[in-house]
Amino acid sequence: METKKIAVIGAGNMGTALIRGMLKARWAKPANLLATNRTPAKLKALADELGVRTDASNAAGAAWADVVILAVKPQILRRVAHEIAPAVTRDKLIVSIAAGLSTSTIESAFAEGAPVVRSMPNLPVTVDLGATAICRGSQATDEHAAVARAIFESVGIVVEVDESLMDAVTGLSGTGPMYLFQIIEGLSDAGVKMGLSRQVANALTVQTVLGAARMVQVTGQHPGLLKDQVTSPGGTAIAALHSLERGGLRALLIDAVEAATRRAGELGNAVNK
């Protein structure tokens, strides 16, 4: 990884998070990273803070790099792809984080044989706790997938899935932080209703969510088994669980993921036309 030159085209929040992650993990040196952005002040800030190369020209960035990360919005990816296409040869890897755009759509913008890896990272990559799914285009090899995996592992965990499942990934982990933000806010509100200060309620809620997630991760146990450890006979947890089940929390979450997955498919169909 350290020897590859990586250009992040459109280095906004996600792109900048990837640059920071690669530097922190020492998977890339500042001299081997280049960021493009249309805002000169943003480029100066990136150069000053991280010491990476910067360029206002997407085409120049793509020509310089071995790996081109397309960190632009889906609505403008075709325009950016057309802009950099003359500089993209078969020996360059294209990694896209544009939601909804299929690998075949991205491949069609470049010379035949250009390898493409599509990704779906989520917002917590900005705090190095992201969950990213990747899938390969028709020309991407194991080596290409390994490079993409290394990039996103610098800011969290990575899973590889079939492209047909990318909408489900969007519905679950891509949209997932919103579900948790809602739950955290609701639990904090409940603590305030019961007499806690907002500061105390927020602190307890956030740590509880972090701790519960960490227990599932570290123990490897099914969440249902961990739930049973908390729900003692006649206790507070089973009373609360009864209320949650009566309110349909589990069904609401399943419905939300299903709705987000369906919407991701609709948006993908629109941008791939």
C-alpha atoms as a PDB file:
ATOM      1  CA  MET A   1       0.000   0.000   0.000  1.00  0.00           C
ATOM      2  CA  GLU A   2       2.737   2.483   0.909  1.00  0.00           C
ATOM      3  CA  THR A   3       4.108   2.535  -2.628  1.00  0.00           C
ATOM      4  CA  LYS A   4       0.791   3.180  -4.360  1.00  0.00           C
ATOM      5  CA  LYS A   5      -0.170   6.703  -5.313  1.00  0.00           C
ATOM      6  CA  ILE A   6      -3.760   7.397  -4.298  1.00  0.00           C
ATOM      7  CA  ALA A   7      -5.875  10.311  -5.501  1.00  0.00           C
ATOM      8  CA  VAL A   8      -9.089  11.207  -3.682  1.00  0.00           C
ATOM      9  CA  ILE A   9     -11.255  12.973  -6.225  1.00  0.00           C
ATOM     10  CA  GLY A  10     -13.614  15.356  -4.444  1.00  0.00           C
ATOM     11  CA  ALA A  11     -12.139  15.262  -0.944  1.00  0.00           C
ATOM     12  CA  GLY A  12     -15.117  16.269   1.193  1.00  0.00           C
ATOM     13  CA  ASN A  13     -15.961  14.781   4.592  1.00  0.00           C
ATOM     14  CA  MET A  14     -15.775  11.130   3.504  1.00  0.00           C
ATOM     15  CA  GLY A  15     -12.740  11.599   1.291  1.00  0.00           C
ATOM     16  CA  THR A  16     -10.866  13.524   3.968  1.00  0.00           C
ATOM     17  CA  ALA A  17     -11.712  10.851   6.540  1.00  0.00           C
ATOM     18  CA  LEU A  18     -10.176   8.225   4.268  1.00  0.00           C
ATOM     19  CA  ILE A  19      -7.020  10.303   3.856  1.00  0.00           C
ATOM     20  CA  ARG A  20      -6.702  10.747   7.623  1.00  0.00           C
ATOM     21  CA  GLY A  21      -7.311   7.041   8.180  1.00  0.00           C
ATOM     22  CA  MET A  22      -4.687   5.909   5.690  1.00  0.00           C
ATOM     23  CA  LEU A  23      -2.141   8.267   7.211  1.00  0.00           C
ATOM     24  CA  LYS A  24      -2.977   7.228  10.762  1.00  0.00           C
ATOM     25  CA  ALA A  25      -2.693   3.546   9.847  1.00  0.00           C
ATOM     26  CA  ARG A  26       0.567   4.306   7.996  1.00  0.00           C
ATOM     27  CA  TRP A  27      -0.794   2.593   4.919  1.00  0.00           C
ATOM     28  CA  ALA A  28       0.142   5.597   2.828  1.00  0.00           C
ATOM     29  CA  LYS A  29       2.656   8.421   3.055  1.00  0.00           C
ATOM     30  CA  PRO A  30       1.601  12.053   2.586  1.00  0.00           C
ATOM     31  CA  ALA A  31       3.695  12.267  -0.577  1.00  0.00           C
ATOM     32  CA  ASN A  32       1.685   9.382  -2.067  1.00  0.00           C
ATOM     33  CA  LEU A  33      -1.716  10.930  -1.359  1.00  0.00           C
ATOM     34  CA  LEU A  34      -3.390  13.598  -3.450  1.00  0.00           C
ATOM     35  CA  ALA A  35      -6.703  15.365  -2.829  1.00  0.00           C
ATOM     36  CA  THR A  36      -8.763  17.328  -5.308  1.00  0.00           C
ATOM     37  CA  ASN A  37     -11.467  19.811  -4.444  1.00  0.00           C
ATOM     38  CA  ARG A  38     -12.996  22.788  -6.216  1.00  0.00           C
ATOM     39  CA  THR A  39     -12.491  25.031  -3.171  1.00  0.00           C
ATOM     40  CA  PRO A  40      -8.952  26.470  -2.873  1.00  0.00           C
ATOM     41  CA  ALA A  41      -9.374  27.049   0.872  1.00  0.00           C
ATOM     42  CA  LYS A  42     -10.203  23.369   1.391  1.00  0.00           C
ATOM     43  CA  LEU A  43      -7.119  22.302  -0.554  1.00  0.00           C
ATOM     44  CA  LYS A  44      -4.910  24.617   1.484  1.00  0.00           C
ATOM     45  CA  ALA A  45      -6.386  23.299   4.730  1.00  0.00           C
ATOM     46  CA  LEU A  46      -5.711  19.699   3.667  1.00  0.00           C
ATOM     47  CA  ALA A  47      -2.137  20.484   2.642  1.00  0.00           C
ATOM     48  CA  ASP A  48      -1.451  22.408   5.856  1.00  0.00           C
ATOM     49  CA  GLU A  49      -3.033  19.842   8.190  1.00  0.00           C
ATOM     50  CA  LEU A  50      -2.054  16.554   6.551  1.00  0.00           C
ATOM     51  CA  GLY A  51       0.877  17.413   4.304  1.00  0.00           C
ATOM     52  CA  VAL A  52      -0.684  15.686   1.285  1.00  0.00           C
ATOM     53  CA  ARG A  53      -0.523  16.809  -2.313  1.00  0.00           C
ATOM     54  CA  THR A  54      -3.458  18.816  -3.619  1.00  0.00           C
ATOM     55  CA  ASP A  55      -4.698  19.795  -7.041  1.00  0.00           C
ATOM     56  CA  ALA A  56      -7.714  21.693  -8.304  1.00  0.00           C
ATOM     57  CA  SER A  57      -7.773  19.499 -11.434  1.00  0.00           C
ATOM     58  CA  ASN A  58      -9.516  16.132 -11.173  1.00  0.00           C
ATOM     59  CA  ALA A  59      -7.923  15.019 -14.451  1.00  0.00           C
ATOM     60  CA  ALA A  60      -4.421  15.856 -13.195  1.00  0.00           C
ATOM     61  CA  GLY A  61      -5.067  13.957  -9.977  1.00  0.00           C
ATOM     62  CA  ALA A  62      -6.298  10.888 -11.851  1.00  0.00           C
ATOM     63  CA  ALA A  63      -3.339  10.986 -14.244  1.00  0.00           C
ATOM     64  CA  TRP A  64      -0.891  11.055 -11.302  1.00  0.00           C
ATOM     65  CA  ALA A  65      -2.448   8.207  -9.286  1.00  0.00           C
ATOM     66  CA  ASP A  66      -2.384   4.414  -9.292  1.00  0.00           C
ATOM     67  CA  VAL A  67      -5.654   4.304  -7.341  1.00  0.00           C
ATOM     68  CA  VAL A  68      -8.440   6.805  -8.000  1.00  0.00           C
ATOM     69  CA  ILE A  69     -11.065   7.167  -5.278  1.00  0.00           C
ATOM     70  CA  LEU A  70     -14.240   8.775  -6.596  1.00  0.00           C
ATOM     71  CA  ALA A  71     -15.528  10.555  -3.491  1.00  0.00           C
ATOM     72  CA  VAL A  72     -18.120  12.664  -5.292  1.00  0.00           C
ATOM     73  CA  LYS A  73     -21.906  12.722  -5.105  1.00  0.00           C
ATOM     74  CA  PRO A  74     -23.745  10.268  -7.393  1.00  0.00           C
ATOM     75  CA  GLN A  75     -25.418  13.118  -9.265  1.00  0.00           C
ATOM     76  CA  ILE A  76     -22.103  14.449 -10.575  1.00  0.00           C
ATOM     77  CA  LEU A  77     -20.089  11.245 -10.861  1.00  0.00           C
ATOM     78  CA  ARG A  78     -20.767  10.856 -14.583  1.00  0.00           C
ATOM     79  CA  ARG A  79     -19.508  14.378 -15.244  1.00  0.00           C
ATOM     80  CA  VAL A  80     -16.393  13.823 -13.147  1.00  0.00           C
ATOM     81  CA  ALA A  81     -15.813  10.420 -14.774  1.00  0.00           C
ATOM     82  CA  HIS A  82     -16.019  12.010 -18.226  1.00  0.00           C
ATOM     83  CA  GLU A  83     -13.539  14.648 -17.071  1.00  0.00           C
ATOM     84  CA  ILE A  84     -10.936  12.132 -15.885  1.00  0.00           C
ATOM     85  CA  ALA A  85     -11.597   9.339 -18.413  1.00  0.00           C
ATOM     86  CA  PRO A  86      -8.689  10.224 -20.752  1.00  0.00           C
ATOM     87  CA  ALA A  87      -6.297   9.798 -17.799  1.00  0.00           C
ATOM     88  CA  VAL A  88      -7.728   6.451 -16.622  1.00  0.00           C
ATOM     89  CA  THR A  89      -5.871   3.494 -18.083  1.00  0.00           C
ATOM     90  CA  ARG A  90      -6.368  -0.206 -17.417  1.00  0.00           C
ATOM     91  CA  ASP A  91      -3.588  -0.273 -14.849  1.00  0.00           C
ATOM     92  CA  LYS A  92      -5.422   2.168 -12.545  1.00  0.00           C
ATOM     93  CA  LEU A  93      -7.920   1.010  -9.927  1.00  0.00           C
ATOM     94  CA  ILE A  94     -11.144   2.996  -9.606  1.00  0.00           C
ATOM     95  CA  VAL A  95     -12.798   2.921  -6.170  1.00  0.00           C
ATOM     96  CA  SER A  96     -16.221   4.561  -5.959  1.00  0.00           C
ATOM     97  CA  ILE A  97     -18.040   5.661  -2.817  1.00  0.00           C
ATOM     98  CA  ALA A  98     -20.948   7.147  -4.801  1.00  0.00           C
ATOM     99  CA  ALA A  99     -24.170   5.640  -3.474  1.00  0.00           C
ATOM    100  CA  GLY A 100     -26.325   3.708  -5.899  1.00  0.00           C
ATOM    101  CA  LEU A 101     -24.094   3.767  -8.973  1.00  0.00           C
ATOM    102  CA  SER A 102     -23.456   0.240 -10.199  1.00  0.00           C
ATOM    103  CA  THR A 103     -20.031  -1.060 -11.167  1.00  0.00           C
ATOM    104  CA  SER A 104     -21.237  -1.530 -14.748  1.00  0.00           C
ATOM    105  CA  THR A 105     -22.319   2.129 -14.937  1.00  0.00           C
ATOM    106  CA  ILE A 106     -18.947   3.271 -13.623  1.00  0.00           C
ATOM    107  CA  GLU A 107     -17.044   0.891 -15.902  1.00  0.00           C
ATOM    108  CA  SER A 108     -18.899   2.247 -18.935  1.00  0.00           C
ATOM    109  CA  ALA A 109     -17.418   5.702 -18.304  1.00  0.00           C
ATOM    110  CA  PHE A 110     -13.840   4.491 -18.736  1.00  0.00           C
ATOM    111  CA  ALA A 111     -11.710   2.551 -21.188  1.00  0.00           C
ATOM    112  CA  GLU A 112     -12.668  -1.091 -21.564  1.00  0.00           C
ATOM    113  CA  GLY A 113     -10.950  -3.212 -18.921  1.00  0.00           C
ATOM    114  CA  ALA A 114     -10.648  -0.551 -16.219  1.00  0.00           C
ATOM    115  CA  PRO A 115     -11.016  -2.281 -12.816  1.00  0.00           C
ATOM    116  CA  VAL A 116     -13.715  -0.864 -10.537  1.00  0.00           C
ATOM    117  CA  VAL A 117     -14.528  -1.544  -6.892  1.00  0.00           C
ATOM    118  CA  ARG A 118     -17.748  -0.067  -5.537  1.00  0.00           C
ATOM    119  CA  SER A 119     -18.088   0.728  -1.835  1.00  0.00           C
ATOM    120  CA  MET A 120     -20.731   1.783   0.670  1.00  0.00           C
ATOM    121  CA  PRO A 121     -19.096   3.377   3.723  1.00  0.00           C
ATOM    122  CA  ASN A 122     -21.113   5.002   6.489  1.00  0.00           C
ATOM    123  CA  LEU A 123     -20.732   8.241   8.441  1.00  0.00           C
ATOM    124  CA  PRO A 124     -18.713   6.827  11.391  1.00  0.00           C
ATOM    125  CA  VAL A 125     -15.683   6.515   9.085  1.00  0.00           C
ATOM    126  CA  THR A 126     -15.142  10.119  10.183  1.00  0.00           C
ATOM    127  CA  VAL A 127     -14.325   8.812  13.695  1.00  0.00           C
ATOM    128  CA  ASP A 128     -12.495   5.646  12.519  1.00  0.00           C
ATOM    129  CA  LEU A 129     -15.459   3.399  13.396  1.00  0.00           C
ATOM    130  CA  GLY A 130     -16.970   2.980   9.965  1.00  0.00           C
ATOM    131  CA  ALA A 131     -18.693  -0.041   8.481  1.00  0.00           C
ATOM    132  CA  THR A 132     -17.992  -0.392   4.762  1.00  0.00           C
ATOM    133  CA  ALA A 133     -19.167  -2.936   2.226  1.00  0.00           C
ATOM    134  CA  ILE A 134     -17.332  -3.410  -1.057  1.00  0.00           C
ATOM    135  CA  CYS A 135     -18.150  -5.285  -4.245  1.00  0.00           C
ATOM    136  CA  ARG A 136     -16.105  -5.916  -7.358  1.00  0.00           C
ATOM    137  CA  GLY A 137     -16.738  -4.889 -10.916  1.00  0.00           C
ATOM    138  CA  SER A 138     -16.265  -7.322 -13.786  1.00  0.00           C
ATOM    139  CA  GLN A 139     -12.545  -6.550 -14.161  1.00  0.00           C
ATOM    140  CA  ALA A 140     -11.551  -6.296 -10.493  1.00  0.00           C
ATOM    141  CA  THR A 141      -9.209  -9.004  -9.209  1.00  0.00           C
ATOM    142  CA  ASP A 142      -8.395 -10.274  -5.731  1.00  0.00           C
ATOM    143  CA  GLU A 143      -5.504  -7.812  -5.657  1.00  0.00           C
ATOM    144  CA  HIS A 144      -7.798  -4.894  -6.494  1.00  0.00           C
ATOM    145  CA  ALA A 145     -10.253  -5.945  -3.789  1.00  0.00           C
ATOM    146  CA  ALA A 146      -7.404  -6.224  -1.276  1.00  0.00           C
ATOM    147  CA  VAL A 147      -6.286  -2.653  -2.034  1.00  0.00           C
ATOM    148  CA  ALA A 148      -9.825  -1.329  -1.580  1.00  0.00           C
ATOM    149  CA  ARG A 149     -10.219  -3.325   1.633  1.00  0.00           C
ATOM    150  CA  ALA A 150      -6.991  -1.870   3.026  1.00  0.00           C
ATOM    151  CA  ILE A 151      -8.159   1.677   2.321  1.00  0.00           C
ATOM    152  CA  PHE A 152     -11.444   1.270   4.185  1.00  0.00           C
ATOM    153  CA  GLU A 153      -9.993  -0.842   6.994  1.00  0.00           C
ATOM    154  CA  SER A 154      -8.017   2.252   7.956  1.00  0.00           C
ATOM    155  CA  VAL A 155     -11.326   3.774   9.124  1.00  0.00           C
ATOM    156  CA  GLY A 156     -13.287   0.762  10.397  1.00  0.00           C
ATOM    157  CA  ILE A 157     -14.393  -2.715   9.353  1.00  0.00           C
ATOM    158  CA  VAL A 158     -14.921  -3.986   5.808  1.00  0.00           C
ATOM    159  CA  VAL A 159     -17.091  -6.753   4.383  1.00  0.00           C
ATOM    160  CA  GLU A 160     -17.265  -7.892   0.773  1.00  0.00           C
ATOM    161  CA  VAL A 161     -20.698  -8.685  -0.631  1.00  0.00           C
ATOM    162  CA  ASP A 162     -22.302  -9.470  -3.951  1.00  0.00           C
ATOM    163  CA  GLU A 163     -23.373  -6.304  -5.738  1.00  0.00           C
ATOM    164  CA  SER A 164     -27.014  -7.386  -5.595  1.00  0.00           C
ATOM    165  CA  LEU A 165     -26.848  -6.857  -1.814  1.00  0.00           C
ATOM    166  CA  MET A 166     -25.509  -3.299  -1.871  1.00  0.00           C
ATOM    167  CA  ASP A 167     -29.000  -1.780  -1.501  1.00  0.00           C
ATOM    168  CA  ALA A 168     -29.479  -3.878   1.640  1.00  0.00           C
ATOM    169  CA  VAL A 169     -26.128  -2.614   2.928  1.00  0.00           C
ATOM    170  CA  THR A 170     -27.317   0.946   2.306  1.00  0.00           C
ATOM    171  CA  GLY A 171     -30.537   0.237   4.193  1.00  0.00           C
ATOM    172  CA  LEU A 172     -28.742  -1.327   7.167  1.00  0.00           C
ATOM    173  CA  SER A 173     -25.308   0.200   7.788  1.00  0.00           C
ATOM    174  CA  GLY A 174     -25.383   3.123   5.385  1.00  0.00           C
ATOM    175  CA  THR A 175     -28.565   4.498   6.923  1.00  0.00           C
ATOM    176  CA  GLY A 176     -27.924   2.798  10.253  1.00  0.00           C
ATOM    177  CA  PRO A 177     -26.318   5.702  12.137  1.00  0.00           C
ATOM    178  CA  MET A 178     -29.612   7.602  11.833  1.00  0.00           C
ATOM    179  CA  TYR A 179     -31.487   4.766  13.573  1.00  0.00           C
ATOM    180  CA  LEU A 180     -29.015   4.852  16.442  1.00  0.00           C
ATOM    181  CA  PHE A 181     -29.074   8.639  16.693  1.00  0.00           C
ATOM    182  CA  GLN A 182     -32.849   8.435  17.081  1.00  0.00           C
ATOM    183  CA  ILE A 183     -32.567   5.723  19.719  1.00  0.00           C
ATOM    184  CA  ILE A 184     -29.885   7.644  21.620  1.00  0.00           C
ATOM    185  CA  GLU A 185     -31.978  10.805  21.555  1.00  0.00           C
ATOM    186  CA  GLY A 186     -35.066   8.914  22.714  1.00  0.00           C
ATOM    187  CA  LEU A 187     -33.259   7.222  25.609  1.00  0.00           C
ATOM    188  CA  SER A 188     -31.730  10.532  26.658  1.00  0.00           C
ATOM    189  CA  ASP A 189     -35.181  12.159  26.580  1.00  0.00           C
ATOM    190  CA  ALA A 190     -36.468   9.327  28.753  1.00  0.00           C
ATOM    191  CA  GLY A 191     -33.715   9.936  31.284  1.00  0.00           C
ATOM    192  CA  VAL A 192     -34.629  13.634  31.413  1.00  0.00           C
ATOM    193  CA  LYS A 193     -38.297  12.739  31.902  1.00  0.00           C
ATOM    194  CA  MET A 194     -37.315  10.569  34.847  1.00  0.00           C
ATOM    195  CA  GLY A 195     -35.429  13.463  36.459  1.00  0.00           C
ATOM    196  CA  LEU A 196     -31.850  13.254  35.175  1.00  0.00           C
ATOM    197  CA  SER A 197     -30.106  16.310  33.803  1.00  0.00           C
ATOM    198  CA  ARG A 198     -29.600  16.355  30.033  1.00  0.00           C
ATOM    199  CA  GLN A 199     -25.846  16.128  30.468  1.00  0.00           C
ATOM    200  CA  VAL A 200     -26.067  13.078  32.720  1.00  0.00           C
ATOM    201  CA  ALA A 201     -28.744  11.438  30.555  1.00  0.00           C
ATOM    202  CA  ASN A 202     -26.655  11.903  27.400  1.00  0.00           C
ATOM    203  CA  ALA A 203     -23.477  10.598  29.024  1.00  0.00           C
ATOM    204  CA  LEU A 204     -25.179   7.498  30.405  1.00  0.00           C
ATOM    205  CA  THR A 205     -27.020   6.800  27.154  1.00  0.00           C
ATOM    206  CA  VAL A 206     -23.972   7.108  24.914  1.00  0.00           C
ATOM    207  CA  GLN A 207     -21.806   4.945  27.168  1.00  0.00           C
ATOM    208  CA  THR A 208     -24.562   2.345  27.467  1.00  0.00           C
ATOM    209  CA  VAL A 209     -24.897   2.098  23.683  1.00  0.00           C
ATOM    210  CA  LEU A 210     -21.119   1.909  23.252  1.00  0.00           C
ATOM    211  CA  GLY A 211     -20.795  -0.716  25.973  1.00  0.00           C
ATOM    212  CA  ALA A 212     -23.621  -2.891  24.681  1.00  0.00           C
ATOM    213  CA  ALA A 213     -22.251  -2.804  21.118  1.00  0.00           C
ATOM    214  CA  ARG A 214     -18.774  -3.622  22.391  1.00  0.00           C
ATOM    215  CA  MET A 215     -20.097  -6.617  24.365  1.00  0.00           C
ATOM    216  CA  VAL A 216     -21.686  -8.068  21.229  1.00  0.00           C
ATOM    217  CA  GLN A 217     -18.465  -7.469  19.293  1.00  0.00           C
ATOM    218  CA  VAL A 218     -16.065  -8.866  21.901  1.00  0.00           C
ATOM    219  CA  THR A 219     -18.085 -11.849  23.136  1.00  0.00           C
ATOM    220  CA  GLY A 220     -19.377 -12.922  19.742  1.00  0.00           C
ATOM    221  CA  GLN A 221     -22.598 -13.982  21.437  1.00  0.00           C
ATOM    222  CA  HIS A 222     -25.998 -13.542  19.850  1.00  0.00           C
ATOM    223  CA  PRO A 223     -27.650 -10.326  21.099  1.00  0.00           C
ATOM    224  CA  GLY A 224     -30.588 -12.407  22.277  1.00  0.00           C
ATOM    225  CA  LEU A 225     -28.348 -14.356  24.660  1.00  0.00           C
ATOM    226  CA  LEU A 226     -26.876 -11.147  26.067  1.00  0.00           C
ATOM    227  CA  LYS A 227     -30.393  -9.746  26.445  1.00  0.00           C
ATOM    228  CA  ASP A 228     -31.332 -12.807  28.495  1.00  0.00           C
ATOM    229  CA  GLN A 229     -28.421 -12.117  30.854  1.00  0.00           C
ATOM    230  CA  VAL A 230     -29.964  -8.751  31.720  1.00  0.00           C
ATOM    231  CA  THR A 231     -33.600  -9.843  32.056  1.00  0.00           C
ATOM    232  CA  SER A 232     -33.836 -11.445  35.492  1.00  0.00           C
ATOM    233  CA  PRO A 233     -37.205 -12.892  36.593  1.00  0.00           C
ATOM    234  CA  GLY A 234     -39.643 -10.209  37.696  1.00  0.00           C
ATOM    235  CA  GLY A 235     -37.040  -7.481  37.212  1.00  0.00           C
ATOM    236  CA  THR A 236     -36.886  -4.099  35.554  1.00  0.00           C
ATOM    237  CA  ALA A 237     -35.441  -5.303  32.237  1.00  0.00           C
ATOM    238  CA  ILE A 238     -38.221  -7.814  31.527  1.00  0.00           C
ATOM    239  CA  ALA A 239     -40.812  -5.154  32.338  1.00  0.00           C
ATOM    240  CA  ALA A 240     -39.115  -2.779  29.908  1.00  0.00           C
ATOM    241  CA  LEU A 241     -38.798  -5.523  27.290  1.00  0.00           C
ATOM    242  CA  HIS A 242     -42.536  -6.160  27.496  1.00  0.00           C
ATOM    243  CA  SER A 243     -43.159  -2.485  26.764  1.00  0.00           C
ATOM    244  CA  LEU A 244     -40.743  -2.514  23.803  1.00  0.00           C
ATOM    245  CA  GLU A 245     -42.353  -5.615  22.306  1.00  0.00           C
ATOM    246  CA  ARG A 246     -45.833  -4.204  22.792  1.00  0.00           C
ATOM    247  CA  GLY A 247     -44.713  -1.065  20.957  1.00  0.00           C
ATOM    248  CA  GLY A 248     -43.266  -3.127  18.120  1.00  0.00           C
ATOM    249  CA  LEU A 249     -39.688  -1.816  18.299  1.00  0.00           C
ATOM    250  CA  ARG A 250     -38.213  -4.832  16.512  1.00  0.00           C
ATOM    251  CA  ALA A 251     -40.794  -4.626  13.709  1.00  0.00           C
ATOM    252  CA  LEU A 252     -40.266  -0.872  13.386  1.00  0.00           C
ATOM    253  CA  LEU A 253     -36.523  -1.353  12.894  1.00  0.00           C
ATOM    254  CA  ILE A 254     -37.057  -4.105  10.324  1.00  0.00           C
ATOM    255  CA  ASP A 255     -39.576  -1.913   8.506  1.00  0.00           C
ATOM    256  CA  ALA A 256     -37.130   1.006   8.519  1.00  0.00           C
ATOM    257  CA  VAL A 257     -34.290  -1.043   7.026  1.00  0.00           C
ATOM    258  CA  GLU A 258     -36.679  -2.473   4.434  1.00  0.00           C
ATOM    259  CA  ALA A 259     -37.920   1.022   3.497  1.00  0.00           C
ATOM    260  CA  ALA A 260     -34.369   2.379   3.207  1.00  0.00           C
ATOM    261  CA  THR A 261     -33.307  -0.625   1.106  1.00  0.00           C
ATOM    262  CA  ARG A 262     -36.251  -0.162  -1.227  1.00  0.00           C
ATOM    263  CA  ARG A 263     -35.511   3.566  -1.562  1.00  0.00           C
ATOM    264  CA  ALA A 264     -31.834   2.833  -2.256  1.00  0.00           C
ATOM    265  CA  GLY A 265     -32.944   0.620  -5.125  1.00  0.00           C
ATOM    266  CA  GLU A 266     -35.187   3.344  -6.516  1.00  0.00           C
ATOM    267  CA  LEU A 267     -32.417   5.945  -6.337  1.00  0.00           C
ATOM    268  CA  GLY A 268     -29.958   3.510  -7.881  1.00  0.00           C
ATOM    269  CA  ASN A 269     -32.285   2.843 -10.803  1.00  0.00           C
ATOM    270  CA  ALA A 270     -32.582   6.575 -11.377  1.00  0.00           C
ATOM    271  CA  VAL A 271     -28.854   7.356 -11.356  1.00  0.00           C
ATOM    272  CA  ASN A 272     -27.941   4.290 -13.449  1.00  0.00           C
ATOM    273  CA  LYS A 273     -30.255   5.241 -16.332  1.00  0.00           C
END
